[in-house]
Protein backbone atom coordinates (compact mmCIF):
# COMPACT_ATOMS: atom_id res chain seq x y z
CA MET A 1 92.50 151.98 158.33
CA GLU A 2 90.69 154.65 156.41
CA ASP A 3 92.82 156.38 153.79
CA GLU A 4 91.63 159.79 154.92
CA LEU A 5 94.11 159.55 157.78
CA PHE A 6 96.94 159.67 155.26
CA PHE A 7 96.00 162.68 153.19
CA PRO A 8 98.53 164.99 154.89
CA PHE A 9 101.27 162.94 153.23
CA ARG A 10 99.73 163.09 149.77
CA ASN A 11 100.63 165.77 147.26
CA SER A 12 102.97 167.46 149.71
CA GLY A 13 105.78 167.86 147.24
CA ASP A 14 108.13 166.68 149.97
CA PRO A 15 110.11 163.57 148.98
CA SER A 16 110.21 162.47 152.64
CA ALA A 17 106.41 162.27 152.82
CA GLU A 18 106.21 158.87 151.12
CA ASP A 19 108.65 157.32 153.62
CA ALA A 20 106.88 159.06 156.49
CA GLU A 21 103.58 157.58 155.35
CA ARG A 22 105.10 154.09 155.26
CA TYR A 23 106.36 154.53 158.83
CA PHE A 24 102.94 155.84 159.88
CA ARG A 25 101.10 152.87 158.33
CA SER A 26 103.54 150.42 159.97
CA ALA A 27 103.13 152.22 163.29
CA TYR A 28 99.36 151.97 163.09
CA GLU A 29 99.57 148.26 162.30
CA ALA A 30 101.94 147.70 165.24
CA GLN A 31 99.62 149.69 167.50
CA MET A 32 96.56 147.69 166.48
CA ASN A 33 98.51 144.49 167.19
CA GLY A 34 99.46 145.66 170.68
CA ARG A 35 103.12 146.31 169.92
CA LEU A 36 103.08 149.73 171.54
CA ASP A 37 106.82 150.33 171.92
CA LYS A 38 107.34 149.48 168.25
CA ALA A 39 104.41 151.69 167.26
CA ALA A 40 105.79 154.64 169.24
CA ASP A 41 109.19 154.23 167.60
CA LEU A 42 107.66 154.11 164.12
CA TYR A 43 105.45 157.15 164.75
CA ARG A 44 108.52 159.07 165.94
CA GLN A 45 110.34 158.07 162.73
CA SER A 46 107.40 159.27 160.65
CA ILE A 47 107.36 162.58 162.53
CA ALA A 48 111.11 163.03 162.06
CA LEU A 49 110.69 162.76 158.28
CA PHE A 50 107.43 164.65 157.81
CA PRO A 51 105.55 165.89 160.89
CA THR A 52 101.77 165.62 160.71
CA ALA A 53 99.08 166.26 163.26
CA GLU A 54 97.90 162.70 162.75
CA ALA A 55 101.27 161.14 163.61
CA HIS A 56 101.61 163.26 166.75
CA THR A 57 98.03 162.43 167.79
CA PHE A 58 98.48 158.72 167.23
CA LEU A 59 101.78 158.77 169.13
CA GLY A 60 99.85 160.41 171.96
CA TRP A 61 97.28 157.63 171.70
CA VAL A 62 100.05 155.03 172.10
CA TYR A 63 101.37 156.91 175.15
CA SER A 64 97.86 156.90 176.64
CA PHE A 65 97.71 153.09 176.28
CA GLN A 66 101.03 153.00 178.11
CA LYS A 67 99.51 155.19 180.87
CA LYS A 68 101.90 158.03 179.97
CA LEU A 69 99.15 160.63 179.97
CA VAL A 70 101.36 163.70 180.41
CA GLU A 71 103.42 162.63 177.38
CA ALA A 72 100.19 161.93 175.48
CA ILE A 73 98.97 165.46 176.17
CA LEU A 74 102.28 166.93 175.01
CA GLU A 75 102.05 165.00 171.72
CA CYS A 76 98.52 166.26 171.19
CA LYS A 77 99.69 169.83 171.76
CA ARG A 78 102.40 169.24 169.14
CA ALA A 79 99.69 167.97 166.78
CA ILE A 80 97.74 171.18 167.31
CA ASP A 81 100.87 173.21 166.57
CA VAL A 82 101.20 171.36 163.25
CA ASP A 83 97.51 171.66 162.31
CA PRO A 84 95.12 173.58 164.58
CA ASP A 85 92.16 172.58 162.36
CA PHE A 86 92.57 168.87 163.21
CA GLY A 87 90.06 168.17 166.00
CA ASN A 88 91.18 164.79 167.30
CA PRO A 89 94.01 166.03 169.54
CA TYR A 90 91.69 168.51 171.26
CA ASN A 91 89.29 165.70 172.16
CA ASP A 92 92.13 163.44 173.20
CA ILE A 93 93.59 166.07 175.53
CA GLY A 94 90.15 166.40 177.11
CA ALA A 95 89.87 162.63 177.53
CA TYR A 96 93.35 162.41 179.07
CA LEU A 97 92.58 165.24 181.50
CA ILE A 98 89.40 163.41 182.55
CA GLU A 99 91.48 160.29 183.13
CA LEU A 100 93.93 162.35 185.21
CA GLY A 101 91.02 163.48 187.41
CA ARG A 102 91.05 167.05 186.06
CA PRO A 103 87.60 167.26 184.41
CA ALA A 104 87.19 171.03 184.63
CA GLU A 105 90.39 171.49 182.61
CA ALA A 106 89.00 169.18 179.94
CA ILE A 107 86.00 171.35 179.05
CA PRO A 108 87.77 174.00 176.90
CA TRP A 109 89.66 171.31 174.99
CA LEU A 110 86.49 169.35 174.28
CA LYS A 111 84.69 172.49 173.12
CA LYS A 112 87.59 173.24 170.76
CA ALA A 113 87.22 169.73 169.33
CA LEU A 114 83.57 170.50 168.57
CA GLN A 115 84.62 173.64 166.68
CA ALA A 116 87.48 172.09 164.72
CA PRO A 117 86.89 172.17 160.97
CA ARG A 118 88.56 168.81 160.36
CA TYR A 119 87.34 166.24 162.85
CA GLN A 120 85.79 162.80 162.80
CA PRO A 121 84.09 161.20 164.71
CA ARG A 122 82.40 164.36 165.88
CA HIS A 123 80.20 162.66 168.52
CA PHE A 124 83.15 161.80 170.84
CA PRO A 125 83.60 165.26 172.38
CA HIS A 126 79.91 165.28 173.29
CA VAL A 127 80.29 161.97 175.13
CA ASN A 128 83.39 163.26 176.90
CA LEU A 129 81.66 166.50 177.87
CA ALA A 130 78.80 164.42 179.27
CA ARG A 131 81.33 162.47 181.35
CA VAL A 132 82.71 165.75 182.73
CA TYR A 133 79.25 167.08 183.52
CA ILE A 134 78.27 163.85 185.25
CA MET A 135 81.47 163.99 187.32
CA THR A 136 80.75 167.59 188.33
CA GLY A 137 77.05 166.99 189.01
CA ASP A 138 75.76 169.08 186.09
CA LEU A 139 73.25 166.46 184.96
CA GLU A 140 71.19 168.72 182.68
CA ASN A 141 74.23 169.58 180.55
CA ALA A 142 75.27 165.92 180.61
CA LEU A 143 71.84 164.97 179.28
CA HIS A 144 72.11 167.58 176.52
CA GLU A 145 75.57 166.34 175.45
CA LEU A 146 74.50 162.68 175.34
CA LYS A 147 71.44 163.53 173.26
CA GLU A 148 73.62 165.56 170.90
CA SER A 149 76.07 162.67 170.60
CA LEU A 150 73.24 160.30 169.69
CA ARG A 151 71.83 162.81 167.21
CA ILE A 152 75.20 162.73 165.40
CA GLU A 153 75.81 158.99 165.82
CA PRO A 154 72.54 157.20 166.65
CA ARG A 155 74.17 153.77 166.95
CA ASN A 156 76.67 154.68 169.67
CA PRO A 157 76.24 151.97 172.33
CA SER A 158 78.36 153.74 174.97
CA ALA A 159 76.31 156.94 174.64
CA GLU A 160 73.09 154.92 174.77
CA ARG A 161 74.23 153.18 177.99
CA GLU A 162 75.31 156.46 179.58
CA LEU A 163 72.02 158.10 178.65
CA LYS A 164 70.01 155.24 180.22
CA ARG A 165 72.12 155.42 183.40
CA LEU A 166 71.78 159.18 183.57
CA LEU A 167 68.00 159.09 183.08
CA MET A 168 67.67 156.50 185.86
CA ARG A 169 69.81 158.68 188.13
CA MET A 170 67.76 161.78 187.35
CA ASN A 171 64.43 160.07 188.14
């Protein structure tokens, strides 16, 4: 995992931050190995010691894999409370709302992700906005969002596939 995910723990001056980072790293490893219950427990331990937006967001991600989308959204809102500049939870809330069949509610969250000062990968909210626009029949805006996503990340196979499908549908 990229070390940039761990910078909230670094230089905090809080002695609990080092332990929290260890829990976070172990949680991520458990998550990547499909041990979701263990990952959730470890993220919660990290948060208890030193709350970060990243830990809340990743706990939400685990909940989403467990199909606990309401809980996932709540964790992302907690992440935003900890650090409103961190863009990932905004995008994730949008994605979870899409999955819940509430695409119109996703739009403001996805737009906030695009405006967040600290956010990578920045092309995801564009893809998710395109999904919303396709679902609502706004194909011109969907086309714009997919093109913008590919401008940011030209080698995004899912955006390429969606763009091809959308162009066929529009013709």
